[in-house]
Amino acid sequence: MYSLRFFNPSFYLWQAYLFLPPYANSSAMTRYLIAALPPESIAEPIWAYKRYVSEHYGSVRGLRVLPHITYVSPFTLSEKVPISSLAQQLESFLGSFQAETIQLTDFGYFSTNRGHVIYVAVEKTERMEQQYLTLDAFVRESLQVSLPPIHSVFTPHLTIAYRDLSRRQFEQAWPYFEQESFSARMPLDALWLLQHTGKQWEPLRKFDFASNA
């Protein structure tokens, strides 16, 4: 069974970004996220797990976010920035990435005194790691976007229960996932730009990798 137990402050920083309340001047800023989205055949069972933890353990935040693997943490841009310009730059950059198929295997968790997260574990590849690092640098330097600190360890995953799980709820929920098995092969051939509507994340633009163009 795959599980991960370590304190990763930067992970919790961007997790908090996912659920920030609407901005006081929401008409001036828009929030974006860059992520890999699984096909429906993989997303469906993950949604089922999200509903399970909501119904049995009271973790509802997972239902607000579609299944995804985060590559660039949530960031904000002025609504005056043309989305076409952002999309064009991302399309050009991500078009050089090479596609691959990745393995999703069982479940893991992050646990600190700030909360607990349960997720579907992704077997990280060297290509994923390199793409994550180069994309982060591109967004910071070329797009001049302000981001929270980059994760000291890239742990790709698809979250089921966010950190609204109390310790007691986590201790009840984890034994279920610890004995549960999950296995799927996921094509990693594109990344998506998602936009926050004020209530939820919505896919906005898809950027195919080189071998999928």
N, C-alpha and C. Protein backbone atom coordinates (compact mmCIF):
# COMPACT_ATOMS: atom_id res chain seq x y z
N MET A 1 0.85 -1.19 0.00
CA MET A 1 0.00 0.00 0.00
C MET A 1 0.88 1.24 0.00
N TYR A 2 0.61 2.15 -0.84
CA TYR A 2 1.41 3.37 -0.97
C TYR A 2 0.87 4.43 -0.03
N SER A 3 1.71 4.95 0.83
CA SER A 3 1.30 6.07 1.67
C SER A 3 2.50 6.97 1.89
N LEU A 4 2.24 8.23 2.14
CA LEU A 4 3.31 9.21 2.27
C LEU A 4 3.04 10.02 3.51
N ARG A 5 3.99 10.06 4.41
CA ARG A 5 3.77 10.74 5.68
C ARG A 5 4.93 11.72 5.90
N PHE A 6 4.74 12.95 5.57
CA PHE A 6 5.76 13.95 5.82
C PHE A 6 5.11 15.32 5.83
N PHE A 7 5.78 16.26 6.45
CA PHE A 7 5.27 17.63 6.51
C PHE A 7 5.80 18.42 5.34
N ASN A 8 4.94 18.96 4.55
CA ASN A 8 5.32 19.73 3.36
C ASN A 8 4.58 21.06 3.41
N PRO A 9 5.16 22.10 4.05
CA PRO A 9 4.45 23.36 4.23
C PRO A 9 3.95 23.97 2.94
N SER A 10 4.75 23.90 1.86
CA SER A 10 4.33 24.54 0.61
C SER A 10 3.10 23.86 0.03
N PHE A 11 2.97 22.53 0.27
CA PHE A 11 1.77 21.83 -0.20
C PHE A 11 0.54 22.44 0.45
N TYR A 12 0.59 22.69 1.76
CA TYR A 12 -0.58 23.23 2.44
C TYR A 12 -0.83 24.68 2.08
N LEU A 13 0.22 25.40 1.70
CA LEU A 13 0.02 26.77 1.28
C LEU A 13 -0.84 26.83 0.04
N TRP A 14 -0.52 26.00 -0.99
CA TRP A 14 -1.33 26.07 -2.20
C TRP A 14 -2.67 25.40 -2.01
N GLN A 15 -2.78 24.42 -1.08
CA GLN A 15 -4.10 23.85 -0.79
C GLN A 15 -5.02 24.94 -0.25
N ALA A 16 -4.46 25.84 0.58
CA ALA A 16 -5.26 26.93 1.11
C ALA A 16 -5.72 27.85 -0.02
N TYR A 17 -4.86 28.04 -1.03
CA TYR A 17 -5.22 28.88 -2.17
C TYR A 17 -6.45 28.34 -2.88
N LEU A 18 -6.62 27.03 -2.91
CA LEU A 18 -7.74 26.44 -3.64
C LEU A 18 -9.08 26.90 -3.08
N PHE A 19 -9.12 27.21 -1.77
CA PHE A 19 -10.39 27.49 -1.13
C PHE A 19 -10.48 28.89 -0.55
N LEU A 20 -9.67 29.80 -1.08
CA LEU A 20 -9.77 31.18 -0.65
C LEU A 20 -11.16 31.72 -0.96
N PRO A 21 -11.73 32.59 -0.09
CA PRO A 21 -13.01 33.20 -0.40
C PRO A 21 -12.87 34.16 -1.56
N PRO A 22 -13.98 34.57 -2.19
CA PRO A 22 -13.91 35.51 -3.30
C PRO A 22 -13.15 36.76 -2.91
N TYR A 23 -12.41 37.29 -3.86
CA TYR A 23 -11.61 38.48 -3.60
C TYR A 23 -12.51 39.68 -3.34
N ALA A 24 -12.02 40.57 -2.48
CA ALA A 24 -12.79 41.78 -2.18
C ALA A 24 -13.03 42.59 -3.44
N ASN A 25 -12.04 42.54 -4.36
CA ASN A 25 -12.19 43.25 -5.63
C ASN A 25 -12.20 42.22 -6.74
N SER A 26 -13.17 41.30 -6.67
CA SER A 26 -13.18 40.15 -7.57
C SER A 26 -13.34 40.54 -9.02
N SER A 27 -13.87 41.74 -9.28
CA SER A 27 -14.06 42.15 -10.66
C SER A 27 -12.73 42.48 -11.33
N ALA A 28 -11.66 42.67 -10.51
CA ALA A 28 -10.37 43.08 -11.06
C ALA A 28 -9.41 41.92 -11.26
N MET A 29 -9.63 40.80 -10.56
CA MET A 29 -8.69 39.70 -10.59
C MET A 29 -9.40 38.39 -10.94
N THR A 30 -8.67 37.52 -11.62
CA THR A 30 -9.17 36.18 -11.94
C THR A 30 -8.15 35.16 -11.49
N ARG A 31 -8.63 34.06 -10.95
CA ARG A 31 -7.74 33.01 -10.44
C ARG A 31 -7.65 31.87 -11.44
N TYR A 32 -6.42 31.37 -11.65
CA TYR A 32 -6.18 30.29 -12.61
C TYR A 32 -5.38 29.17 -11.95
N LEU A 33 -5.40 28.02 -12.60
CA LEU A 33 -4.70 26.83 -12.15
C LEU A 33 -4.29 26.04 -13.39
N ILE A 34 -3.11 25.45 -13.38
CA ILE A 34 -2.68 24.61 -14.50
C ILE A 34 -2.54 23.18 -13.98
N ALA A 35 -3.25 22.25 -14.63
CA ALA A 35 -3.30 20.89 -14.11
C ALA A 35 -3.53 19.88 -15.23
N ALA A 36 -3.23 18.63 -14.92
CA ALA A 36 -3.57 17.51 -15.80
C ALA A 36 -4.90 16.94 -15.35
N LEU A 37 -5.80 16.70 -16.29
CA LEU A 37 -7.11 16.15 -15.97
C LEU A 37 -7.19 14.71 -16.46
N PRO A 38 -7.68 13.80 -15.62
CA PRO A 38 -7.79 12.41 -16.04
C PRO A 38 -8.98 12.21 -16.97
N PRO A 39 -8.96 11.17 -17.79
CA PRO A 39 -10.13 10.87 -18.61
C PRO A 39 -11.31 10.47 -17.73
N GLU A 40 -12.50 10.49 -18.31
CA GLU A 40 -13.71 10.22 -17.54
C GLU A 40 -13.67 8.85 -16.88
N SER A 41 -13.06 7.87 -17.53
CA SER A 41 -13.00 6.52 -16.97
C SER A 41 -12.24 6.48 -15.64
N ILE A 42 -11.32 7.41 -15.44
CA ILE A 42 -10.59 7.51 -14.18
C ILE A 42 -11.26 8.50 -13.25
N ALA A 43 -11.79 9.58 -13.79
CA ALA A 43 -12.43 10.60 -12.97
C ALA A 43 -13.65 10.06 -12.24
N GLU A 44 -14.42 9.19 -12.88
CA GLU A 44 -15.66 8.68 -12.28
C GLU A 44 -15.42 7.98 -10.95
N PRO A 45 -14.50 7.00 -10.85
CA PRO A 45 -14.27 6.38 -9.55
C PRO A 45 -13.69 7.34 -8.51
N ILE A 46 -12.93 8.33 -8.95
CA ILE A 46 -12.40 9.31 -7.99
C ILE A 46 -13.53 10.16 -7.43
N TRP A 47 -14.48 10.57 -8.30
CA TRP A 47 -15.67 11.27 -7.81
C TRP A 47 -16.42 10.41 -6.81
N ALA A 48 -16.50 9.11 -7.05
CA ALA A 48 -17.19 8.21 -6.13
C ALA A 48 -16.51 8.20 -4.76
N TYR A 49 -15.19 8.20 -4.75
CA TYR A 49 -14.46 8.26 -3.48
C TYR A 49 -14.69 9.61 -2.78
N LYS A 50 -14.74 10.68 -3.54
CA LYS A 50 -15.02 11.99 -2.96
C LYS A 50 -16.39 12.00 -2.28
N ARG A 51 -17.38 11.42 -2.96
CA ARG A 51 -18.72 11.35 -2.37
C ARG A 51 -18.73 10.47 -1.12
N TYR A 52 -17.94 9.41 -1.16
CA TYR A 52 -17.88 8.50 -0.01
C TYR A 52 -17.36 9.22 1.23
N VAL A 53 -16.26 9.95 1.11
CA VAL A 53 -15.71 10.63 2.29
C VAL A 53 -16.61 11.78 2.73
N SER A 54 -17.34 12.36 1.80
CA SER A 54 -18.29 13.41 2.16
C SER A 54 -19.44 12.84 2.97
N GLU A 55 -19.98 11.72 2.51
CA GLU A 55 -21.15 11.12 3.16
C GLU A 55 -20.81 10.44 4.48
N HIS A 56 -19.61 9.83 4.56
CA HIS A 56 -19.27 9.04 5.74
C HIS A 56 -18.41 9.78 6.76
N TYR A 57 -17.63 10.76 6.30
CA TYR A 57 -16.68 11.40 7.21
C TYR A 57 -16.77 12.93 7.21
N GLY A 58 -17.68 13.49 6.43
CA GLY A 58 -17.93 14.92 6.48
C GLY A 58 -16.94 15.79 5.74
N SER A 59 -16.08 15.21 4.90
CA SER A 59 -15.14 16.01 4.12
C SER A 59 -15.80 16.41 2.81
N VAL A 60 -16.23 17.67 2.73
CA VAL A 60 -17.01 18.13 1.57
C VAL A 60 -16.18 18.93 0.57
N ARG A 61 -15.01 19.38 0.95
CA ARG A 61 -14.24 20.24 0.05
C ARG A 61 -13.84 19.54 -1.23
N GLY A 62 -13.62 18.24 -1.15
CA GLY A 62 -13.23 17.50 -2.33
C GLY A 62 -14.27 17.55 -3.43
N LEU A 63 -15.53 17.75 -3.07
CA LEU A 63 -16.59 17.80 -4.06
C LEU A 63 -16.59 19.11 -4.84
N ARG A 64 -15.84 20.09 -4.38
CA ARG A 64 -15.80 21.39 -5.04
C ARG A 64 -14.75 21.46 -6.15
N VAL A 65 -13.88 20.46 -6.20
CA VAL A 65 -12.76 20.51 -7.14
C VAL A 65 -12.74 19.23 -7.97
N LEU A 66 -12.72 19.38 -9.30
CA LEU A 66 -12.69 18.21 -10.16
C LEU A 66 -11.37 17.47 -10.02
N PRO A 67 -11.34 16.16 -10.25
CA PRO A 67 -10.10 15.40 -10.12
C PRO A 67 -9.01 15.98 -11.04
N HIS A 68 -7.83 16.17 -10.49
CA HIS A 68 -6.74 16.76 -11.27
C HIS A 68 -5.41 16.51 -10.60
N ILE A 69 -4.34 16.67 -11.37
CA ILE A 69 -2.98 16.67 -10.85
C ILE A 69 -2.43 18.07 -11.05
N THR A 70 -2.17 18.77 -9.97
CA THR A 70 -1.71 20.15 -10.07
C THR A 70 -0.27 20.23 -10.58
N TYR A 71 -0.06 21.11 -11.56
CA TYR A 71 1.29 21.40 -12.05
C TYR A 71 1.70 22.82 -11.68
N VAL A 72 0.78 23.76 -11.74
CA VAL A 72 1.06 25.12 -11.30
C VAL A 72 -0.03 25.51 -10.32
N SER A 73 0.39 25.86 -9.11
CA SER A 73 -0.55 26.23 -8.05
C SER A 73 -1.42 27.41 -8.46
N PRO A 74 -2.58 27.57 -7.85
CA PRO A 74 -3.47 28.68 -8.19
C PRO A 74 -2.75 30.03 -8.15
N PHE A 75 -2.99 30.84 -9.18
CA PHE A 75 -2.40 32.17 -9.27
C PHE A 75 -3.44 33.14 -9.79
N THR A 76 -3.21 34.42 -9.56
CA THR A 76 -4.18 35.43 -9.98
C THR A 76 -3.58 36.36 -11.03
N LEU A 77 -4.43 36.78 -11.94
CA LEU A 77 -4.06 37.76 -12.96
C LEU A 77 -5.17 38.80 -13.06
N SER A 78 -4.78 39.99 -13.43
CA SER A 78 -5.77 41.03 -13.67
C SER A 78 -6.67 40.62 -14.83
N GLU A 79 -7.94 40.96 -14.72
CA GLU A 79 -8.86 40.67 -15.82
C GLU A 79 -8.51 41.46 -17.07
N LYS A 80 -7.62 42.43 -16.93
CA LYS A 80 -7.17 43.21 -18.09
C LYS A 80 -6.16 42.42 -18.93
N VAL A 81 -5.58 41.36 -18.35
CA VAL A 81 -4.63 40.54 -19.10
C VAL A 81 -5.43 39.68 -20.08
N PRO A 82 -5.20 39.81 -21.39
CA PRO A 82 -5.96 39.02 -22.37
C PRO A 82 -5.69 37.53 -22.20
N ILE A 83 -6.75 36.75 -22.05
CA ILE A 83 -6.58 35.32 -21.90
C ILE A 83 -5.96 34.72 -23.15
N SER A 84 -6.21 35.33 -24.30
CA SER A 84 -5.64 34.83 -25.55
C SER A 84 -4.12 34.91 -25.54
N SER A 85 -3.58 35.95 -24.91
CA SER A 85 -2.13 36.10 -24.83
C SER A 85 -1.53 35.04 -23.92
N LEU A 86 -2.15 34.83 -22.77
CA LEU A 86 -1.69 33.80 -21.83
C LEU A 86 -1.76 32.42 -22.49
N ALA A 87 -2.86 32.14 -23.16
CA ALA A 87 -3.05 30.84 -23.80
C ALA A 87 -2.03 30.61 -24.91
N GLN A 88 -1.73 31.65 -25.67
CA GLN A 88 -0.78 31.52 -26.77
C GLN A 88 0.61 31.17 -26.25
N GLN A 89 1.02 31.81 -25.18
CA GLN A 89 2.34 31.53 -24.62
C GLN A 89 2.41 30.12 -24.03
N LEU A 90 1.35 29.71 -23.35
CA LEU A 90 1.33 28.37 -22.79
C LEU A 90 1.29 27.31 -23.88
N GLU A 91 0.54 27.57 -24.93
CA GLU A 91 0.44 26.62 -26.03
C GLU A 91 1.80 26.40 -26.68
N SER A 92 2.53 27.48 -26.89
CA SER A 92 3.85 27.39 -27.50
C SER A 92 4.82 26.62 -26.60
N PHE A 93 4.77 26.91 -25.31
CA PHE A 93 5.70 26.27 -24.38
C PHE A 93 5.35 24.80 -24.15
N LEU A 94 4.09 24.51 -23.88
CA LEU A 94 3.69 23.14 -23.56
C LEU A 94 3.70 22.23 -24.79
N GLY A 95 3.68 22.83 -25.97
CA GLY A 95 3.74 22.04 -27.18
C GLY A 95 5.04 21.29 -27.35
N SER A 96 6.05 21.64 -26.55
CA SER A 96 7.35 20.94 -26.62
C SER A 96 7.42 19.76 -25.65
N PHE A 97 6.44 19.65 -24.76
CA PHE A 97 6.44 18.56 -23.80
C PHE A 97 6.12 17.23 -24.50
N GLN A 98 6.71 16.17 -24.02
CA GLN A 98 6.47 14.84 -24.57
C GLN A 98 5.45 14.09 -23.71
N ALA A 99 4.52 13.42 -24.38
CA ALA A 99 3.48 12.68 -23.67
C ALA A 99 4.01 11.35 -23.14
N GLU A 100 3.34 10.83 -22.15
CA GLU A 100 3.64 9.50 -21.62
C GLU A 100 2.39 8.98 -20.91
N THR A 101 2.44 7.73 -20.52
CA THR A 101 1.36 7.14 -19.73
C THR A 101 1.87 6.92 -18.33
N ILE A 102 1.11 7.38 -17.33
CA ILE A 102 1.55 7.29 -15.95
C ILE A 102 0.67 6.30 -15.19
N GLN A 103 1.20 5.82 -14.08
CA GLN A 103 0.51 4.82 -13.28
C GLN A 103 -0.04 5.44 -12.00
N LEU A 104 -1.32 5.19 -11.75
CA LEU A 104 -1.96 5.57 -10.49
C LEU A 104 -2.11 4.30 -9.66
N THR A 105 -1.61 4.33 -8.44
CA THR A 105 -1.60 3.12 -7.61
C THR A 105 -1.99 3.42 -6.17
N ASP A 106 -3.14 2.95 -5.75
CA ASP A 106 -3.59 2.99 -4.37
C ASP A 106 -3.67 4.42 -3.83
N PHE A 107 -3.47 4.57 -2.52
CA PHE A 107 -3.76 5.85 -1.87
C PHE A 107 -2.62 6.26 -0.94
N GLY A 108 -2.56 7.54 -0.66
CA GLY A 108 -1.59 8.08 0.28
C GLY A 108 -2.23 9.21 1.05
N TYR A 109 -1.45 9.80 1.95
CA TYR A 109 -2.00 10.93 2.70
C TYR A 109 -0.90 11.88 3.15
N PHE A 110 -1.30 13.11 3.38
CA PHE A 110 -0.50 14.11 4.07
C PHE A 110 -1.20 14.37 5.40
N SER A 111 -0.45 14.51 6.46
CA SER A 111 -1.07 14.73 7.76
C SER A 111 -0.21 15.66 8.60
N THR A 112 -0.79 16.79 9.03
CA THR A 112 -0.12 17.72 9.93
C THR A 112 -1.14 18.22 10.94
N ASN A 113 -0.70 19.09 11.84
CA ASN A 113 -1.65 19.62 12.81
C ASN A 113 -2.61 20.62 12.18
N ARG A 114 -2.40 20.96 10.90
CA ARG A 114 -3.31 21.87 10.20
C ARG A 114 -4.43 21.13 9.48
N GLY A 115 -4.29 19.83 9.34
CA GLY A 115 -5.33 19.08 8.65
C GLY A 115 -4.77 17.84 7.99
N HIS A 116 -5.66 17.14 7.28
CA HIS A 116 -5.32 15.85 6.70
C HIS A 116 -5.85 15.77 5.28
N VAL A 117 -5.07 15.17 4.40
CA VAL A 117 -5.42 15.03 3.00
C VAL A 117 -5.26 13.57 2.60
N ILE A 118 -6.26 13.02 1.93
CA ILE A 118 -6.18 11.66 1.39
C ILE A 118 -6.27 11.76 -0.13
N TYR A 119 -5.44 10.99 -0.82
CA TYR A 119 -5.38 11.14 -2.28
C TYR A 119 -5.09 9.82 -2.98
N VAL A 120 -5.36 9.80 -4.28
CA VAL A 120 -4.92 8.71 -5.14
C VAL A 120 -3.46 8.99 -5.49
N ALA A 121 -2.61 8.02 -5.27
CA ALA A 121 -1.17 8.21 -5.48
C ALA A 121 -0.78 8.03 -6.94
N VAL A 122 0.13 8.87 -7.38
CA VAL A 122 0.67 8.83 -8.74
C VAL A 122 2.13 8.42 -8.67
N GLU A 123 2.52 7.45 -9.47
CA GLU A 123 3.93 7.05 -9.52
C GLU A 123 4.69 8.04 -10.39
N LYS A 124 5.43 8.91 -9.73
CA LYS A 124 6.13 10.00 -10.42
C LYS A 124 7.23 9.47 -11.33
N THR A 125 7.33 10.05 -12.53
CA THR A 125 8.40 9.71 -13.46
C THR A 125 9.39 10.87 -13.54
N GLU A 126 10.57 10.60 -14.07
CA GLU A 126 11.56 11.66 -14.25
C GLU A 126 11.04 12.73 -15.21
N ARG A 127 10.29 12.30 -16.21
CA ARG A 127 9.74 13.26 -17.17
C ARG A 127 8.74 14.20 -16.49
N MET A 128 7.89 13.66 -15.64
CA MET A 128 6.94 14.49 -14.90
C MET A 128 7.67 15.53 -14.05
N GLU A 129 8.69 15.07 -13.35
CA GLU A 129 9.47 15.96 -12.47
C GLU A 129 10.07 17.10 -13.27
N GLN A 130 10.68 16.79 -14.41
CA GLN A 130 11.32 17.81 -15.22
C GLN A 130 10.29 18.78 -15.79
N GLN A 131 9.16 18.27 -16.24
CA GLN A 131 8.11 19.13 -16.78
C GLN A 131 7.56 20.06 -15.71
N TYR A 132 7.39 19.54 -14.52
CA TYR A 132 6.90 20.34 -13.40
C TYR A 132 7.85 21.51 -13.11
N LEU A 133 9.14 21.22 -13.05
CA LEU A 133 10.12 22.25 -12.73
C LEU A 133 10.24 23.30 -13.83
N THR A 134 10.29 22.85 -15.08
CA THR A 134 10.45 23.80 -16.19
C THR A 134 9.20 24.66 -16.37
N LEU A 135 8.02 24.08 -16.16
CA LEU A 135 6.79 24.86 -16.28
C LEU A 135 6.70 25.90 -15.18
N ASP A 136 7.07 25.52 -13.97
CA ASP A 136 7.05 26.48 -12.86
C ASP A 136 7.96 27.66 -13.16
N ALA A 137 9.16 27.38 -13.66
CA ALA A 137 10.11 28.45 -13.98
C ALA A 137 9.57 29.33 -15.11
N PHE A 138 8.94 28.71 -16.10
CA PHE A 138 8.40 29.47 -17.23
C PHE A 138 7.29 30.42 -16.77
N VAL A 139 6.41 29.93 -15.94
CA VAL A 139 5.29 30.76 -15.48
C VAL A 139 5.80 31.92 -14.63
N ARG A 140 6.79 31.67 -13.78
CA ARG A 140 7.33 32.72 -12.93
C ARG A 140 8.11 33.76 -13.73
N GLU A 141 8.98 33.28 -14.62
CA GLU A 141 9.92 34.18 -15.28
C GLU A 141 9.37 34.76 -16.58
N SER A 142 8.86 33.92 -17.45
CA SER A 142 8.39 34.40 -18.75
C SER A 142 7.01 35.06 -18.67
N LEU A 143 6.12 34.47 -17.88
CA LEU A 143 4.79 35.06 -17.74
C LEU A 143 4.73 36.06 -16.60
N GLN A 144 5.80 36.09 -15.78
CA GLN A 144 5.91 37.02 -14.65
C GLN A 144 4.70 36.91 -13.72
N VAL A 145 4.39 35.68 -13.37
CA VAL A 145 3.29 35.39 -12.46
C VAL A 145 3.85 35.13 -11.07
N SER A 146 3.22 35.71 -10.06
CA SER A 146 3.62 35.48 -8.68
C SER A 146 2.96 34.20 -8.19
N LEU A 147 3.80 33.27 -7.71
CA LEU A 147 3.31 31.97 -7.24
C LEU A 147 3.77 31.74 -5.81
N PRO A 148 3.04 30.89 -5.06
CA PRO A 148 3.55 30.47 -3.76
C PRO A 148 4.84 29.68 -3.95
N PRO A 149 5.62 29.48 -2.90
CA PRO A 149 6.89 28.76 -3.05
C PRO A 149 6.70 27.40 -3.71
N ILE A 150 7.62 27.05 -4.60
CA ILE A 150 7.54 25.75 -5.26
C ILE A 150 7.69 24.64 -4.22
N HIS A 151 6.98 23.54 -4.41
CA HIS A 151 7.05 22.43 -3.47
C HIS A 151 8.47 21.90 -3.39
N SER A 152 8.96 21.69 -2.19
CA SER A 152 10.30 21.14 -2.04
C SER A 152 10.37 19.73 -2.60
N VAL A 153 9.24 19.03 -2.57
CA VAL A 153 9.14 17.70 -3.16
C VAL A 153 7.88 17.67 -4.02
N PHE A 154 8.01 17.33 -5.29
CA PHE A 154 6.86 17.22 -6.18
C PHE A 154 6.20 15.87 -5.93
N THR A 155 4.99 15.90 -5.41
CA THR A 155 4.25 14.68 -5.11
C THR A 155 2.96 14.70 -5.91
N PRO A 156 2.99 14.26 -7.16
CA PRO A 156 1.78 14.28 -7.97
C PRO A 156 0.72 13.36 -7.38
N HIS A 157 -0.52 13.83 -7.37
CA HIS A 157 -1.60 13.07 -6.75
C HIS A 157 -2.94 13.64 -7.19
N LEU A 158 -3.99 12.89 -6.96
CA LEU A 158 -5.35 13.35 -7.22
C LEU A 158 -6.09 13.31 -5.88
N THR A 159 -6.40 14.48 -5.35
CA THR A 159 -6.95 14.57 -4.00
C THR A 159 -8.38 14.05 -3.93
N ILE A 160 -8.65 13.31 -2.87
CA ILE A 160 -10.00 12.83 -2.57
C ILE A 160 -10.60 13.65 -1.43
N ALA A 161 -9.90 13.69 -0.30
CA ALA A 161 -10.36 14.45 0.86
C ALA A 161 -9.37 15.55 1.16
N TYR A 162 -9.82 16.78 1.16
CA TYR A 162 -8.96 17.91 1.48
C TYR A 162 -8.83 18.04 2.99
N ARG A 163 -8.14 19.08 3.44
CA ARG A 163 -7.80 19.14 4.85
C ARG A 163 -8.92 19.64 5.75
N ASP A 164 -10.18 19.45 5.32
CA ASP A 164 -11.29 19.70 6.23
C ASP A 164 -11.59 18.45 7.07
N LEU A 165 -10.77 17.42 6.94
CA LEU A 165 -10.88 16.24 7.80
C LEU A 165 -10.24 16.55 9.15
N SER A 166 -10.99 16.36 10.22
CA SER A 166 -10.40 16.48 11.55
C SER A 166 -9.54 15.24 11.80
N ARG A 167 -8.75 15.28 12.85
CA ARG A 167 -7.92 14.12 13.17
C ARG A 167 -8.80 12.89 13.40
N ARG A 168 -9.89 13.06 14.13
CA ARG A 168 -10.77 11.92 14.40
C ARG A 168 -11.36 11.38 13.10
N GLN A 169 -11.81 12.28 12.22
CA GLN A 169 -12.38 11.84 10.94
C GLN A 169 -11.33 11.14 10.09
N PHE A 170 -10.11 11.68 10.10
CA PHE A 170 -9.04 11.05 9.33
C PHE A 170 -8.75 9.65 9.86
N GLU A 171 -8.67 9.51 11.18
CA GLU A 171 -8.37 8.20 11.77
C GLU A 171 -9.46 7.19 11.47
N GLN A 172 -10.67 7.66 11.24
CA GLN A 172 -11.76 6.77 10.84
C GLN A 172 -11.70 6.44 9.35
N ALA A 173 -11.32 7.44 8.55
CA ALA A 173 -11.36 7.27 7.09
C ALA A 173 -10.15 6.51 6.55
N TRP A 174 -8.96 6.76 7.09
CA TRP A 174 -7.77 6.20 6.49
C TRP A 174 -7.75 4.67 6.46
N PRO A 175 -8.19 3.95 7.52
CA PRO A 175 -8.19 2.49 7.43
C PRO A 175 -8.96 1.95 6.23
N TYR A 176 -10.02 2.65 5.83
CA TYR A 176 -10.77 2.22 4.64
C TYR A 176 -9.89 2.31 3.40
N PHE A 177 -9.21 3.44 3.22
CA PHE A 177 -8.38 3.63 2.03
C PHE A 177 -7.09 2.83 2.11
N GLU A 178 -6.62 2.57 3.32
CA GLU A 178 -5.39 1.79 3.48
C GLU A 178 -5.57 0.37 2.96
N GLN A 179 -6.76 -0.18 3.13
CA GLN A 179 -7.00 -1.54 2.64
C GLN A 179 -7.62 -1.58 1.25
N GLU A 180 -8.00 -0.40 0.74
CA GLU A 180 -8.60 -0.31 -0.59
C GLU A 180 -7.50 -0.30 -1.65
N SER A 181 -7.77 -0.93 -2.78
CA SER A 181 -6.79 -0.92 -3.87
C SER A 181 -7.32 -0.10 -5.04
N PHE A 182 -6.41 0.54 -5.74
CA PHE A 182 -6.76 1.33 -6.92
C PHE A 182 -5.61 1.24 -7.90
N SER A 183 -5.92 1.01 -9.15
CA SER A 183 -4.88 0.94 -10.18
C SER A 183 -5.45 1.41 -11.50
N ALA A 184 -4.75 2.33 -12.14
CA ALA A 184 -5.19 2.83 -13.45
C ALA A 184 -3.99 3.39 -14.20
N ARG A 185 -4.04 3.28 -15.50
CA ARG A 185 -3.04 3.88 -16.38
C ARG A 185 -3.65 5.14 -16.97
N MET A 186 -3.00 6.27 -16.77
CA MET A 186 -3.54 7.56 -17.20
C MET A 186 -2.66 8.18 -18.28
N PRO A 187 -3.22 8.53 -19.43
CA PRO A 187 -2.43 9.24 -20.43
C PRO A 187 -2.13 10.66 -19.96
N LEU A 188 -0.86 11.01 -19.97
CA LEU A 188 -0.46 12.37 -19.63
C LEU A 188 0.02 13.01 -20.93
N ASP A 189 -0.93 13.57 -21.67
CA ASP A 189 -0.63 14.09 -23.01
C ASP A 189 -1.08 15.53 -23.20
N ALA A 190 -1.49 16.17 -22.11
CA ALA A 190 -1.93 17.57 -22.19
C ALA A 190 -2.05 18.14 -20.79
N LEU A 191 -2.00 19.46 -20.71
CA LEU A 191 -2.32 20.17 -19.48
C LEU A 191 -3.45 21.14 -19.78
N TRP A 192 -4.18 21.48 -18.74
CA TRP A 192 -5.32 22.39 -18.86
C TRP A 192 -5.10 23.66 -18.06
N LEU A 193 -5.59 24.76 -18.58
CA LEU A 193 -5.70 26.00 -17.83
C LEU A 193 -7.12 26.04 -17.29
N LEU A 194 -7.25 26.11 -15.97
CA LEU A 194 -8.56 26.18 -15.34
C LEU A 194 -8.77 27.57 -14.77
N GLN A 195 -10.00 28.01 -14.78
CA GLN A 195 -10.36 29.33 -14.26
C GLN A 195 -11.37 29.17 -13.14
N HIS A 196 -11.20 29.94 -12.08
CA HIS A 196 -12.13 29.88 -10.96
C HIS A 196 -13.30 30.84 -11.20
N THR A 197 -14.50 30.31 -11.11
CA THR A 197 -15.70 31.11 -11.40
C THR A 197 -16.18 31.91 -10.20
N GLY A 198 -15.54 31.70 -9.05
CA GLY A 198 -16.04 32.28 -7.81
C GLY A 198 -16.67 31.22 -6.94
N LYS A 199 -17.04 30.09 -7.58
CA LYS A 199 -17.63 28.96 -6.86
C LYS A 199 -16.85 27.68 -7.07
N GLN A 200 -16.30 27.52 -8.28
CA GLN A 200 -15.60 26.28 -8.59
C GLN A 200 -14.63 26.49 -9.74
N TRP A 201 -13.76 25.49 -9.96
CA TRP A 201 -12.81 25.52 -11.06
C TRP A 201 -13.45 24.96 -12.31
N GLU A 202 -13.25 25.64 -13.43
CA GLU A 202 -13.78 25.20 -14.72
C GLU A 202 -12.64 25.12 -15.73
N PRO A 203 -12.56 24.02 -16.50
CA PRO A 203 -11.55 23.93 -17.57
C PRO A 203 -11.76 25.03 -18.60
N LEU A 204 -10.69 25.72 -18.95
CA LEU A 204 -10.78 26.85 -19.86
C LEU A 204 -10.11 26.55 -21.20
N ARG A 205 -8.86 26.12 -21.17
CA ARG A 205 -8.11 25.82 -22.40
C ARG A 205 -7.29 24.54 -22.20
N LYS A 206 -7.20 23.75 -23.26
CA LYS A 206 -6.38 22.54 -23.25
C LYS A 206 -5.14 22.76 -24.10
N PHE A 207 -3.99 22.29 -23.61
CA PHE A 207 -2.73 22.44 -24.32
C PHE A 207 -2.12 21.06 -24.54
N ASP A 208 -2.18 20.58 -25.78
CA ASP A 208 -1.67 19.26 -26.10
C ASP A 208 -0.15 19.24 -26.10
N PHE A 209 0.40 18.11 -25.68
CA PHE A 209 1.84 17.91 -25.74
C PHE A 209 2.24 17.57 -27.18
N ALA A 210 3.52 17.55 -27.43
CA ALA A 210 4.04 17.39 -28.79
C ALA A 210 3.52 16.15 -29.50
N SER A 211 3.56 15.00 -28.85
CA SER A 211 3.17 13.77 -29.51
C SER A 211 1.67 13.59 -29.58
N ASN A 212 0.91 14.60 -29.06
CA ASN A 212 -0.54 14.52 -29.12
C ASN A 212 -1.12 15.67 -29.93
N ALA A 213 -0.25 16.48 -30.54
CA ALA A 213 -0.70 17.66 -31.28
C ALA A 213 -1.30 17.27 -32.61
